[in-house]
């Protein structure tokens, strides 16, 4: 499940709110062990996603980059290449 969480800090273009929220959702899914909560757990699940989203957003806004931003497209292309190599083994 968490393979879809991508690094969000110090990239050009910068991470969007949707990127941060998607990462929060993936994290909560991993912790809960489910993609979709039951009706009884929906509120707790949604609150957890929102809290992690807010916390992650504060962290990303507070971090200071000491290197130039990385190119997101190049980073994703290299990641796919590494995955293909690992898959070929």
Foldseek 3Di string as FASTA:
>chain_A
DQVPLDDQAQAVVHDDLVSLLVNLLVVLCVVVVHNDDDPVCNVVSVVSSVVSSVVVVVVRVPDDDPDHGHYPVVVVVVVVVVVVVVVVD
